[in-house]
Protein backbone atom coordinates (compact mmCIF):
# COMPACT_ATOMS: atom_id res chain seq x y z
CA MET A 1 50.91 -27.34 -14.44
CA THR A 2 49.68 -26.61 -18.01
CA ASP A 3 51.37 -24.48 -20.58
CA GLY A 4 48.31 -22.14 -20.48
CA LEU A 5 48.58 -21.83 -16.69
CA LEU A 6 52.30 -21.26 -16.90
CA VAL A 7 51.74 -18.46 -19.29
CA ASN A 8 49.29 -16.72 -16.90
CA ARG A 9 51.52 -17.36 -13.86
CA ARG A 10 54.45 -15.89 -15.74
CA ARG A 11 52.49 -12.89 -16.86
CA VAL A 12 51.21 -12.08 -13.23
CA LEU A 13 54.88 -12.43 -12.27
CA GLU A 14 55.82 -9.75 -14.93
CA ILE A 15 53.13 -7.59 -13.37
CA GLY A 16 54.52 -8.05 -9.89
CA ILE A 17 58.24 -7.26 -10.92
CA ALA A 18 56.78 -3.88 -12.75
CA ALA A 19 54.96 -3.25 -9.60
CA SER A 20 58.31 -3.75 -7.62
CA ALA A 21 60.06 -1.54 -9.80
CA MET A 22 57.24 1.23 -9.54
CA ALA A 23 58.10 1.30 -5.88
CA LEU A 24 61.48 2.78 -6.57
CA VAL A 25 59.84 5.72 -8.63
CA PRO A 26 58.98 8.90 -6.75
CA PRO A 27 55.45 9.37 -5.72
CA SER A 28 55.28 12.46 -7.98
CA ARG A 29 56.00 10.38 -11.16
CA LEU A 30 53.41 7.65 -10.57
CA VAL A 31 50.27 8.05 -12.38
CA ALA A 32 48.15 5.55 -10.58
CA GLU A 33 48.54 2.89 -7.70
CA PRO A 34 47.29 -0.67 -7.93
CA PRO A 35 43.78 -0.94 -6.64
CA PRO A 36 43.44 -1.92 -2.96
CA LEU A 37 42.66 -5.55 -1.98
CA VAL A 38 39.14 -6.47 -1.35
CA GLU A 39 38.37 -6.83 2.45
CA ARG A 40 35.47 -8.39 4.46
CA LYS A 41 34.62 -7.80 8.10
CA ILE A 42 34.79 -10.20 11.00
CA PRO A 43 31.38 -10.22 12.33
CA SER A 44 32.21 -10.52 15.77
CA SER A 45 34.35 -7.29 15.81
CA GLY A 46 33.73 -5.31 12.74
CA GLU A 47 37.46 -5.57 11.90
CA SER A 48 38.28 -5.97 8.12
CA VAL A 49 40.81 -8.19 6.74
CA PRO A 50 41.67 -8.88 3.00
CA VAL A 51 39.98 -11.70 1.39
CA ILE A 52 43.20 -13.43 0.31
CA GLY A 53 45.78 -14.66 2.89
CA ILE A 54 48.44 -17.27 2.85
CA GLY A 55 48.43 -21.04 4.09
CA THR A 56 51.57 -22.69 5.22
CA ALA A 57 50.76 -26.42 5.26
CA ARG A 58 53.35 -28.48 3.38
CA ARG A 59 55.23 -25.70 1.66
CA TYR A 60 56.66 -24.23 4.88
CA ALA A 61 56.99 -27.78 6.57
CA ALA A 62 60.46 -28.96 6.17
CA ILE A 63 62.68 -26.00 6.37
CA THR A 64 66.09 -26.58 7.95
CA THR A 65 68.32 -23.78 6.89
CA ASP A 66 68.37 -20.14 6.55
CA ALA A 67 69.09 -20.47 2.73
CA GLU A 68 65.78 -22.43 2.58
CA ARG A 69 63.76 -20.11 4.56
CA ALA A 70 65.11 -16.98 2.57
CA PRO A 71 62.67 -17.32 -0.60
CA LEU A 72 59.75 -17.69 2.07
CA THR A 73 60.91 -14.63 3.91
CA ALA A 74 60.74 -12.62 0.62
CA VAL A 75 57.45 -13.81 -0.13
CA LEU A 76 56.05 -12.72 3.48
CA ARG A 77 57.77 -9.38 3.03
CA ARG A 78 56.35 -8.76 -0.25
CA PHE A 79 52.74 -10.10 0.89
CA ALA A 80 52.82 -7.37 3.76
CA GLU A 81 54.05 -4.73 1.17
CA LEU A 82 51.15 -5.37 -0.99
CA GLY A 83 48.43 -5.23 1.81
CA GLY A 84 48.14 -8.77 2.74
CA GLU A 85 47.42 -9.52 6.40
CA VAL A 86 46.18 -13.25 7.08
CA ILE A 87 48.73 -15.87 7.58
CA ASP A 88 47.52 -19.32 8.72
CA THR A 89 49.69 -21.87 10.18
CA ALA A 90 49.66 -24.98 12.60
CA PRO A 91 51.68 -26.99 15.03
CA SER A 92 51.31 -29.96 12.63
CA TYR A 93 52.58 -28.15 9.80
CA GLY A 94 56.31 -29.18 10.49
CA THR A 95 58.61 -26.14 10.69
CA ALA A 96 55.84 -23.78 9.42
CA GLU A 97 55.18 -22.01 12.77
CA ALA A 98 59.12 -21.31 13.30
CA VAL A 99 59.50 -20.20 9.60
CA VAL A 100 56.63 -17.84 9.94
CA GLY A 101 57.87 -16.44 13.33
CA ASP A 102 61.41 -16.02 12.49
CA SER A 103 60.72 -14.40 9.21
CA VAL A 104 58.24 -11.93 10.58
CA ALA A 105 60.65 -11.21 13.47
CA GLU A 106 63.42 -10.67 10.98
CA LEU A 107 61.10 -8.32 8.85
CA GLY A 108 59.70 -6.42 11.76
CA ILE A 109 56.07 -6.70 10.20
CA ARG A 110 54.35 -8.42 13.16
CA ASP A 111 51.97 -5.47 13.52
CA ALA A 112 50.91 -5.52 10.00
CA LEU A 113 49.83 -9.16 9.96
CA PHE A 114 47.02 -11.36 11.18
CA LEU A 115 48.46 -14.49 12.44
CA ALA A 116 46.29 -17.56 12.90
CA THR A 117 47.39 -20.87 14.33
CA LYS A 118 45.48 -23.91 15.78
CA VAL A 119 45.83 -26.52 18.78
CA GLY A 120 45.55 -30.11 17.61
CA ALA A 121 46.25 -31.78 20.95
CA SER A 122 43.96 -34.06 23.34
CA GLY A 123 43.80 -32.98 26.86
CA GLN A 124 43.97 -29.75 28.77
CA THR A 125 47.62 -30.13 29.81
CA ALA A 126 48.65 -31.23 26.24
CA GLY A 127 46.70 -28.36 24.69
CA ARG A 128 48.09 -25.68 26.66
CA GLU A 129 51.63 -26.92 26.14
CA GLN A 130 51.15 -26.90 22.50
CA ILE A 131 49.47 -23.58 22.56
CA GLU A 132 52.69 -22.15 24.44
CA GLN A 133 54.84 -23.75 22.02
CA SER A 134 53.02 -21.86 19.10
CA PHE A 135 53.46 -18.57 20.93
CA ARG A 136 57.25 -19.27 21.25
CA ARG A 137 57.65 -20.47 17.60
CA LEU A 138 55.57 -17.47 16.22
CA ARG A 139 57.66 -15.08 18.53
CA THR A 140 54.49 -13.19 19.61
CA ARG A 141 52.85 -12.22 22.82
CA VAL A 142 49.26 -11.96 21.25
CA MET A 143 47.86 -14.27 18.69
CA ASP A 144 45.11 -12.88 16.33
CA LEU A 145 43.49 -16.20 16.05
CA ILE A 146 43.66 -19.78 17.74
CA ALA A 147 41.34 -22.34 16.32
CA VAL A 148 40.76 -26.12 17.37
CA HIS A 149 42.41 -28.24 14.54
CA ASN A 150 40.04 -30.49 12.95
CA LEU A 151 37.70 -30.55 15.77
CA ARG A 152 40.14 -32.38 17.93
CA ASP A 153 38.93 -32.44 21.71
CA THR A 154 36.98 -29.51 20.95
CA ASP A 155 35.21 -28.56 24.23
CA THR A 156 38.30 -29.06 26.29
CA GLN A 157 40.52 -26.89 23.86
CA LEU A 158 37.71 -24.19 23.46
CA ARG A 159 37.67 -23.77 27.22
CA THR A 160 41.44 -23.11 27.26
CA LEU A 161 41.09 -20.69 24.25
CA ARG A 162 38.25 -18.67 25.88
CA GLU A 163 40.61 -18.29 28.91
CA LEU A 164 43.26 -17.00 26.76
CA LYS A 165 40.98 -14.66 24.95
CA HIS A 166 39.79 -13.23 28.25
CA ALA A 167 43.40 -12.80 29.26
CA GLY A 168 43.85 -10.96 26.06
CA ARG A 169 46.54 -13.44 24.71
CA THR A 170 44.37 -14.34 21.62
CA ARG A 171 41.91 -11.86 19.87
CA TYR A 172 39.79 -14.67 18.35
CA VAL A 173 38.84 -18.03 18.72
CA GLY A 174 37.52 -20.68 16.43
CA ILE A 175 37.49 -24.44 15.05
CA THR A 176 38.63 -25.77 11.83
CA THR A 177 37.94 -28.88 9.54
CA SER A 178 39.15 -29.99 5.96
CA PHE A 179 37.09 -33.18 5.95
CA ALA A 180 33.34 -33.48 4.73
CA ARG A 181 32.94 -36.38 7.09
CA GLN A 182 33.22 -33.70 10.07
CA TYR A 183 30.71 -31.34 8.78
CA ALA A 184 27.99 -32.74 11.11
CA GLU A 185 29.98 -32.06 14.03
CA LEU A 186 31.17 -28.80 12.90
CA GLU A 187 27.80 -27.85 12.30
CA GLN A 188 26.61 -28.96 15.81
CA THR A 189 29.50 -27.12 17.34
CA MET A 190 28.66 -23.83 15.51
CA ARG A 191 25.11 -24.12 16.84
CA ARG A 192 26.10 -24.68 20.46
CA GLU A 193 29.13 -22.54 20.71
CA ARG A 194 29.75 -18.81 20.04
CA LEU A 195 32.77 -18.66 17.70
CA ASP A 196 34.65 -15.99 16.03
CA PHE A 197 35.99 -18.02 13.27
CA ILE A 198 35.41 -21.27 11.54
CA GLN A 199 37.81 -22.83 8.85
CA VAL A 200 36.48 -25.15 6.31
CA ASP A 201 37.46 -26.55 3.03
CA TYR A 202 35.57 -25.02 -0.15
CA ALA A 203 36.21 -25.12 -3.82
CA LEU A 204 34.49 -24.73 -7.04
CA ASP A 205 34.48 -28.37 -7.57
CA HIS A 206 33.70 -29.01 -3.79
CA ARG A 207 30.94 -26.92 -2.82
CA GLU A 208 29.50 -29.00 -0.12
CA ALA A 209 30.17 -26.46 2.63
CA SER A 210 27.94 -23.89 0.87
CA ALA A 211 24.78 -26.07 1.42
CA ARG A 212 24.63 -25.50 5.38
CA ILE A 213 28.01 -24.64 6.90
CA LEU A 214 28.70 -21.24 5.18
CA PRO A 215 24.92 -20.14 5.50
CA LEU A 216 25.01 -21.17 9.01
CA ALA A 217 28.21 -19.16 9.74
CA ALA A 218 26.47 -16.14 8.29
CA ASP A 219 23.42 -16.60 10.66
CA ARG A 220 25.77 -17.22 13.63
CA GLY A 221 27.78 -14.12 12.93
CA THR A 222 30.86 -16.12 12.52
CA ALA A 223 33.73 -15.56 10.07
CA ALA A 224 34.59 -18.20 7.59
CA MET A 225 38.23 -18.85 6.56
CA ILE A 226 38.40 -21.11 3.50
CA ASN A 227 41.24 -23.67 3.15
CA LEU A 228 41.93 -26.05 0.04
CA PRO A 229 40.40 -23.62 -2.46
CA PHE A 230 42.00 -25.34 -5.46
CA GLY A 231 40.31 -28.85 -4.39
CA ARG A 232 43.56 -30.47 -3.37
CA GLY A 233 44.66 -29.76 -6.83
CA ARG A 234 41.87 -31.31 -8.57
CA LEU A 235 41.06 -28.03 -10.34
CA PHE A 236 44.16 -27.44 -12.05
CA LYS A 237 44.06 -31.01 -13.29
CA ALA A 238 40.63 -30.47 -14.66
CA VAL A 239 41.54 -27.81 -16.55
CA GLN A 240 44.75 -28.91 -17.82
CA GLY A 241 45.44 -27.79 -21.54
CA ARG A 242 42.52 -25.36 -21.41
CA GLU A 243 42.50 -21.75 -21.90
CA LEU A 244 40.55 -19.37 -19.56
CA PRO A 245 36.97 -18.95 -21.11
CA PRO A 246 36.82 -15.37 -22.73
CA TRP A 247 33.98 -14.58 -20.14
CA ALA A 248 36.46 -14.87 -17.34
CA ALA A 249 37.65 -11.26 -18.18
CA GLU A 250 34.26 -9.90 -17.03
CA ILE A 251 35.46 -10.70 -13.35
CA ASP A 252 39.05 -9.44 -14.07
CA CYS A 253 40.55 -12.93 -14.29
CA VAL A 254 44.00 -13.67 -15.91
CA SER A 255 44.69 -16.93 -14.52
CA TRP A 256 43.05 -20.34 -13.47
CA ALA A 257 44.20 -19.50 -9.88
CA GLN A 258 42.40 -16.28 -9.93
CA PHE A 259 39.23 -17.97 -11.54
CA PHE A 260 39.16 -20.65 -8.63
CA LEU A 261 39.83 -18.06 -5.81
CA LYS A 262 37.36 -15.37 -7.13
CA TYR A 263 34.58 -18.03 -6.97
CA VAL A 264 35.46 -18.80 -3.37
CA VAL A 265 35.70 -15.38 -2.11
CA SER A 266 32.76 -14.11 -3.83
CA HIS A 267 30.58 -16.28 -1.50
CA ALA A 268 28.96 -13.76 0.74
CA ALA A 269 29.78 -15.67 3.90
CA VAL A 270 33.38 -16.10 2.98
CA THR A 271 35.68 -13.84 5.08
CA CYS A 272 38.92 -14.85 3.86
CA CYS A 273 40.61 -17.57 1.74
CA ILE A 274 44.18 -18.96 2.44
CA PRO A 275 45.71 -20.80 -0.63
CA GLY A 276 49.16 -22.29 0.07
CA THR A 277 51.64 -19.65 -1.03
CA SER A 278 55.57 -20.31 -0.99
CA LYS A 279 56.56 -18.72 -4.48
CA MET A 280 56.66 -14.92 -5.47
CA GLU A 281 54.81 -15.61 -8.90
CA HIS A 282 51.88 -17.32 -6.99
CA LEU A 283 51.81 -14.56 -4.51
CA PHE A 284 51.24 -11.98 -7.16
CA ASP A 285 48.87 -14.41 -9.03
CA ASN A 286 46.72 -15.13 -5.87
CA LEU A 287 46.60 -11.67 -4.58
CA GLY A 288 45.21 -10.78 -8.05
CA ALA A 289 41.77 -12.46 -6.94
CA ALA A 290 41.54 -9.97 -4.39
CA ARG A 291 41.45 -7.09 -6.82
CA GLY A 292 38.82 -6.29 -9.40
CA ARG A 293 35.53 -7.48 -9.97
CA LEU A 294 34.07 -10.48 -8.16
CA PRO A 295 31.45 -12.83 -9.62
CA GLY A 296 27.67 -12.08 -8.95
CA ALA A 297 25.26 -14.79 -8.61
CA SER A 298 24.79 -15.41 -12.38
CA MET A 299 28.44 -15.38 -13.05
CA ARG A 300 28.79 -17.92 -9.97
CA ARG A 301 26.38 -20.58 -11.68
CA ARG A 302 28.15 -20.09 -14.93
CA MET A 303 31.48 -20.80 -13.30
CA GLU A 304 29.73 -23.88 -11.44
CA ALA A 305 28.42 -25.21 -14.87
CA PHE A 306 31.78 -24.88 -16.59
CA ILE A 307 33.65 -26.87 -14.01
CA ASP A 308 30.96 -29.27 -13.91
CA THR A 309 31.20 -30.20 -17.37
CA LEU A 310 34.96 -30.99 -17.22
């Protein structure tokens, strides 16, 4: 991570600490509260969720002790306190489901959250067994969203998910991918099936999903959840040693992370974005992208042109 980015991250952490301190001040002494998180509606229901959530791949995947889980629990607690809702996980993310489930139960915040997981098995029996395991690990009777992970055995698993939705065990169903090579299949499935959600990779330096996938989601009334908004780390490498351009202040950016995230969530078809978040300073930074001004069409083109020259 660059010195400039570290400074920006550190500044956001300072802001977050100040916000925590303000929570101890009586309401009568508070002059103003931080602005609420920008929200988008889920087309199939009209329910709103904040545009920035938490992804749990890798960072939550190898937790073996309560001491290792404690800082993640603290992040999830503060996430909920700040108005965050969407937490995305999957059975293939190692210990992530159990970490989230144990932490959420310990904090007593299940009703404040939107829990999303996936099924990535082949065959009806294996799929059902994996789904039931997810319910146990996440320690919930009702899931907010279960999606078919990377389009694995999609038809079979969607049948099971629709049964679960009909039974009231999951509120929404969907499909996911994080690979451009699956976009054609994703698009075909979106046209064939009525889905509440898709999840797809989309970033300032990887805009292929905006050509057909995201417009199709809008046309089909399907919510779009975005993974890999930092381009698998490519974007931070591209801006290494660079300061934010002065014009980033026009969209209330104070860090590169916010620059990248605001670009993603400003797409009209995007419902929410789930950057991996395991550190408190990154939580404050990322949630900053859900506050203040978002780029309009001309600013989005300016951001694209900027990153394309690097």
